[in-house]
N, C-alpha and C. Protein backbone atom coordinates (compact mmCIF):
# COMPACT_ATOMS: atom_id res chain seq x y z
N MET A 1 21.97 -7.79 -0.11
CA MET A 1 22.37 -7.39 -1.56
C MET A 1 22.65 -5.88 -1.45
N SER A 2 23.65 -5.63 -2.02
CA SER A 2 24.02 -4.18 -2.18
C SER A 2 24.10 -3.61 -3.67
N ILE A 3 23.40 -2.25 -3.62
CA ILE A 3 23.21 -1.78 -4.88
C ILE A 3 24.41 -0.85 -5.12
N ASP A 4 25.22 -0.85 -6.32
CA ASP A 4 26.24 0.01 -6.52
C ASP A 4 25.89 1.37 -7.15
N LYS A 5 26.66 2.22 -7.41
CA LYS A 5 26.35 3.48 -8.03
C LYS A 5 25.74 3.46 -9.45
N ASP A 6 26.45 2.44 -10.27
CA ASP A 6 26.04 2.22 -11.52
C ASP A 6 24.57 1.63 -11.69
N THR A 7 24.34 0.72 -10.91
CA THR A 7 22.92 0.12 -10.74
C THR A 7 21.93 1.10 -10.53
N ALA A 8 22.25 1.98 -9.47
CA ALA A 8 21.30 3.09 -9.04
C ALA A 8 21.12 3.99 -10.16
N ALA A 9 22.10 4.28 -10.98
CA ALA A 9 22.02 5.31 -12.18
C ALA A 9 21.10 4.50 -13.16
N ARG A 10 21.11 3.31 -13.20
CA ARG A 10 20.36 2.54 -14.37
C ARG A 10 18.91 2.46 -13.94
N VAL A 11 18.67 2.21 -12.59
CA VAL A 11 17.27 2.26 -12.02
C VAL A 11 16.62 3.65 -12.09
N ALA A 12 17.42 4.54 -11.89
CA ALA A 12 16.92 5.93 -12.11
C ALA A 12 16.52 6.26 -13.71
N LYS A 13 17.48 6.00 -14.64
CA LYS A 13 17.10 6.00 -16.03
C LYS A 13 15.98 5.32 -16.35
N LEU A 14 15.91 4.01 -15.93
CA LEU A 14 14.52 3.30 -16.21
C LEU A 14 13.42 3.75 -15.72
N ALA A 15 13.38 4.47 -14.60
CA ALA A 15 12.39 5.13 -13.89
C ALA A 15 11.97 6.65 -14.42
N ARG A 16 12.97 7.03 -15.32
CA ARG A 16 12.72 8.28 -15.90
C ARG A 16 13.03 9.36 -14.88
N ILE A 17 13.86 9.31 -13.84
CA ILE A 17 14.28 10.00 -12.88
C ILE A 17 15.48 10.73 -13.01
N ARG A 18 15.78 12.00 -13.14
CA ARG A 18 17.17 12.69 -13.32
C ARG A 18 17.61 12.74 -11.82
N VAL A 19 18.83 12.03 -11.64
CA VAL A 19 19.53 12.13 -10.50
C VAL A 19 20.88 12.55 -10.73
N GLU A 20 21.25 13.69 -10.00
CA GLU A 20 22.60 14.19 -10.26
C GLU A 20 23.69 13.19 -9.81
N ASP A 21 24.94 13.23 -10.35
CA ASP A 21 25.99 12.27 -9.99
C ASP A 21 26.38 12.21 -8.55
N ASP A 22 26.32 13.51 -7.93
CA ASP A 22 26.77 13.49 -6.40
C ASP A 22 25.54 12.90 -5.47
N ALA A 23 24.36 12.59 -6.06
CA ALA A 23 23.30 12.06 -5.28
C ALA A 23 23.13 10.49 -5.65
N LEU A 24 23.98 10.07 -6.53
CA LEU A 24 23.84 8.54 -6.67
C LEU A 24 24.33 7.73 -5.60
N PRO A 25 25.32 8.09 -4.87
CA PRO A 25 25.57 7.18 -3.81
C PRO A 25 24.69 7.17 -2.58
N ALA A 26 24.04 8.20 -2.34
CA ALA A 26 22.69 8.21 -1.34
C ALA A 26 21.62 7.30 -1.98
N LEU A 27 21.44 7.47 -3.22
CA LEU A 27 20.18 6.75 -3.87
C LEU A 27 20.60 5.27 -3.85
N ALA A 28 21.81 4.81 -4.10
CA ALA A 28 22.31 3.56 -4.15
C ALA A 28 22.00 2.91 -2.72
N ASN A 29 22.50 3.62 -1.63
CA ASN A 29 22.33 3.31 -0.25
C ASN A 29 20.78 3.12 0.13
N GLU A 30 20.05 4.07 -0.26
CA GLU A 30 18.59 3.92 0.01
C GLU A 30 18.05 2.71 -0.59
N LEU A 31 18.31 2.47 -1.74
CA LEU A 31 17.84 1.27 -2.68
C LEU A 31 18.30 -0.07 -1.83
N SER A 32 19.69 -0.06 -1.38
CA SER A 32 20.14 -1.30 -0.60
C SER A 32 19.44 -1.37 0.62
N ASN A 33 19.13 -0.37 1.25
CA ASN A 33 18.31 -0.44 2.54
C ASN A 33 17.03 -1.08 2.22
N ILE A 34 16.12 -0.48 1.08
CA ILE A 34 14.97 -1.05 0.82
C ILE A 34 14.94 -2.55 0.42
N ILE A 35 15.97 -2.93 -0.27
CA ILE A 35 16.20 -4.40 -0.63
C ILE A 35 16.48 -5.22 0.68
N GLY A 36 17.31 -4.76 1.37
CA GLY A 36 17.49 -5.45 2.69
C GLY A 36 16.28 -5.57 3.60
N PHE A 37 15.51 -4.65 3.57
CA PHE A 37 14.07 -4.59 4.33
C PHE A 37 13.27 -5.68 3.74
N MET A 38 13.32 -5.81 2.43
CA MET A 38 12.54 -6.85 1.66
C MET A 38 13.07 -8.26 1.91
N GLU A 39 14.29 -8.46 2.18
CA GLU A 39 14.92 -9.59 2.38
C GLU A 39 14.52 -10.03 3.91
N GLN A 40 14.48 -9.12 4.85
CA GLN A 40 14.20 -9.39 6.15
C GLN A 40 12.62 -9.88 6.20
N LEU A 41 11.92 -9.31 5.32
CA LEU A 41 10.40 -9.57 5.37
C LEU A 41 10.22 -11.12 4.77
N ASN A 42 10.99 -11.47 3.92
CA ASN A 42 11.26 -12.82 3.38
C ASN A 42 11.31 -13.94 4.43
N GLU A 43 12.06 -13.53 5.46
CA GLU A 43 12.58 -14.37 6.42
C GLU A 43 11.34 -14.75 7.45
N VAL A 44 10.23 -13.84 7.38
CA VAL A 44 9.18 -14.04 8.49
C VAL A 44 8.33 -15.23 7.96
N ASP A 45 8.00 -16.22 8.85
CA ASP A 45 7.38 -17.38 8.65
C ASP A 45 5.83 -16.94 8.76
N VAL A 46 5.13 -17.19 7.67
CA VAL A 46 3.58 -16.65 7.39
C VAL A 46 2.67 -17.85 7.09
N ASP A 47 3.37 -19.06 7.30
CA ASP A 47 2.49 -20.17 6.97
C ASP A 47 1.40 -20.19 8.14
N GLY A 48 0.15 -20.58 7.50
CA GLY A 48 -0.99 -20.74 8.21
C GLY A 48 -1.74 -19.21 8.68
N VAL A 49 -1.04 -18.06 8.19
CA VAL A 49 -1.68 -16.85 8.36
C VAL A 49 -2.63 -16.55 7.36
N GLU A 50 -3.82 -16.13 7.48
CA GLU A 50 -4.88 -15.78 6.46
C GLU A 50 -4.59 -14.34 5.92
N PRO A 51 -4.74 -14.28 4.65
CA PRO A 51 -4.78 -12.87 4.13
C PRO A 51 -5.76 -12.00 4.74
N MET A 52 -5.53 -10.76 4.81
CA MET A 52 -6.54 -9.78 5.47
C MET A 52 -6.66 -8.65 4.65
N THR A 53 -7.89 -8.16 4.73
CA THR A 53 -8.39 -6.84 3.85
C THR A 53 -8.34 -5.65 4.70
N SER A 54 -8.25 -5.78 5.94
CA SER A 54 -8.17 -4.65 6.97
C SER A 54 -7.40 -5.21 8.30
N VAL A 55 -6.96 -4.42 9.06
CA VAL A 55 -6.43 -4.58 10.24
C VAL A 55 -7.45 -4.88 11.28
N THR A 56 -8.78 -4.51 11.02
CA THR A 56 -9.85 -4.86 12.15
C THR A 56 -10.73 -5.89 11.47
N PRO A 57 -10.86 -6.96 12.10
CA PRO A 57 -11.62 -8.12 11.37
C PRO A 57 -13.06 -7.60 11.30
N GLN A 58 -13.38 -7.51 9.87
CA GLN A 58 -14.83 -7.16 9.58
C GLN A 58 -15.20 -7.82 8.40
N ARG A 59 -16.67 -8.14 8.32
CA ARG A 59 -17.28 -8.75 7.15
C ARG A 59 -17.65 -7.71 6.14
N LEU A 60 -17.28 -7.73 4.92
CA LEU A 60 -17.75 -6.69 4.00
C LEU A 60 -19.20 -6.95 3.56
N TYR A 61 -20.02 -5.89 3.50
CA TYR A 61 -21.35 -6.02 3.10
C TYR A 61 -21.57 -6.45 1.70
N ARG A 62 -22.27 -7.41 1.62
CA ARG A 62 -22.47 -7.86 0.07
C ARG A 62 -24.00 -7.85 -0.12
N ARG A 63 -24.28 -7.35 -1.31
CA ARG A 63 -25.68 -7.45 -1.79
C ARG A 63 -26.02 -8.47 -2.69
N THR A 64 -27.13 -8.83 -3.07
CA THR A 64 -27.60 -9.72 -4.02
C THR A 64 -27.33 -9.15 -5.41
N ASP A 65 -26.91 -9.87 -6.26
CA ASP A 65 -26.76 -9.35 -7.55
C ASP A 65 -27.93 -9.31 -8.37
N VAL A 66 -28.75 -8.47 -8.32
CA VAL A 66 -30.17 -8.52 -9.04
C VAL A 66 -30.23 -7.55 -10.26
N ILE A 67 -30.59 -7.82 -11.42
CA ILE A 67 -30.70 -6.91 -12.41
C ILE A 67 -32.04 -6.24 -12.26
N ASN A 68 -31.90 -4.90 -12.28
CA ASN A 68 -33.26 -4.23 -12.30
C ASN A 68 -33.03 -2.73 -13.10
N ASP A 69 -34.06 -1.94 -13.30
CA ASP A 69 -34.10 -0.94 -14.07
C ASP A 69 -33.55 0.54 -13.18
N GLY A 70 -33.42 0.20 -11.85
CA GLY A 70 -33.07 1.24 -11.01
C GLY A 70 -34.12 1.91 -10.42
N ASP A 71 -35.41 2.16 -11.33
CA ASP A 71 -36.45 2.85 -10.80
C ASP A 71 -36.20 4.14 -10.24
N GLN A 72 -35.31 4.90 -10.94
CA GLN A 72 -34.99 6.26 -10.67
C GLN A 72 -35.18 7.38 -11.62
N GLN A 73 -35.72 6.95 -12.73
CA GLN A 73 -36.05 7.76 -14.00
C GLN A 73 -36.55 9.27 -13.48
N GLY A 74 -37.59 9.35 -12.58
CA GLY A 74 -38.09 10.58 -12.17
C GLY A 74 -37.07 11.48 -11.42
N ALA A 75 -36.28 10.77 -10.50
CA ALA A 75 -35.32 11.60 -9.69
C ALA A 75 -34.16 11.90 -10.83
N VAL A 76 -33.80 11.25 -11.70
CA VAL A 76 -32.71 11.66 -12.63
C VAL A 76 -33.07 12.79 -13.45
N LEU A 77 -34.41 12.75 -14.06
CA LEU A 77 -34.87 13.72 -14.90
C LEU A 77 -35.30 14.81 -14.30
N ALA A 78 -35.47 14.96 -13.02
CA ALA A 78 -35.72 16.08 -12.25
C ALA A 78 -34.64 17.16 -12.32
N ASN A 79 -33.52 16.84 -12.40
CA ASN A 79 -32.25 17.67 -12.50
C ASN A 79 -31.89 18.17 -13.99
N ALA A 80 -32.75 17.59 -15.00
CA ALA A 80 -32.40 17.99 -16.27
C ALA A 80 -33.07 19.22 -16.69
N PRO A 81 -32.35 20.09 -17.41
CA PRO A 81 -32.88 21.38 -17.78
C PRO A 81 -34.15 21.25 -18.73
N ASP A 82 -34.21 20.20 -19.47
CA ASP A 82 -35.46 19.93 -20.45
C ASP A 82 -35.38 18.54 -20.66
N ALA A 83 -36.79 17.84 -20.22
CA ALA A 83 -36.93 16.49 -20.32
C ALA A 83 -38.25 16.24 -21.05
N ARG A 84 -38.44 15.33 -21.92
CA ARG A 84 -39.66 15.02 -22.52
C ARG A 84 -39.84 13.60 -22.74
N GLU A 85 -41.20 13.13 -22.44
CA GLU A 85 -41.32 11.69 -22.70
C GLU A 85 -40.59 10.75 -21.98
N GLY A 86 -40.01 11.28 -20.81
CA GLY A 86 -39.12 10.50 -20.11
C GLY A 86 -37.70 10.34 -20.48
N PHE A 87 -37.27 11.29 -21.25
CA PHE A 87 -35.86 11.16 -21.88
C PHE A 87 -35.36 12.64 -21.68
N PHE A 88 -33.95 12.66 -21.69
CA PHE A 88 -33.32 13.99 -21.81
C PHE A 88 -33.66 14.67 -23.05
N ALA A 89 -33.94 15.99 -23.26
CA ALA A 89 -34.18 16.69 -24.36
C ALA A 89 -32.99 17.64 -24.57
N VAL A 90 -32.29 17.24 -25.65
CA VAL A 90 -31.15 18.20 -26.19
C VAL A 90 -31.44 18.90 -27.47
N PRO A 91 -30.69 20.06 -27.74
CA PRO A 91 -30.83 20.86 -28.95
C PRO A 91 -30.33 19.95 -30.04
N LYS A 92 -30.86 20.05 -31.34
CA LYS A 92 -30.35 19.36 -32.48
C LYS A 92 -28.96 19.90 -32.90
N VAL A 93 -28.05 18.98 -33.03
CA VAL A 93 -26.61 19.67 -33.48
C VAL A 93 -26.18 19.26 -34.86
N VAL A 94 -26.97 18.68 -35.53
CA VAL A 94 -26.62 18.19 -37.01
C VAL A 94 -27.48 19.05 -37.96
N GLU A 95 -26.98 19.66 -38.83
CA GLU A 95 -27.64 20.42 -39.75
C GLU A 95 -28.00 19.66 -41.04
């Protein structure tokens, strides 16, 4: 598939990219090359090929989904400038 200058101008307008008139032929050529490469990829036979998440075969670590309170209250409040009764203490902002 070949992209002409008018189509390249329309794509640039839709993408909100300002392209000068003298650069439109180069943009059209580059878009045509991209579409040509995509057409080449469509010709590749991928039947029976498993989808992959990485180029190296690895199993992702999965933890059990358990609800808990985190048990980190002391560590979190240790960084607070003012903590009282297990909560962050903040100055009153409503008069």
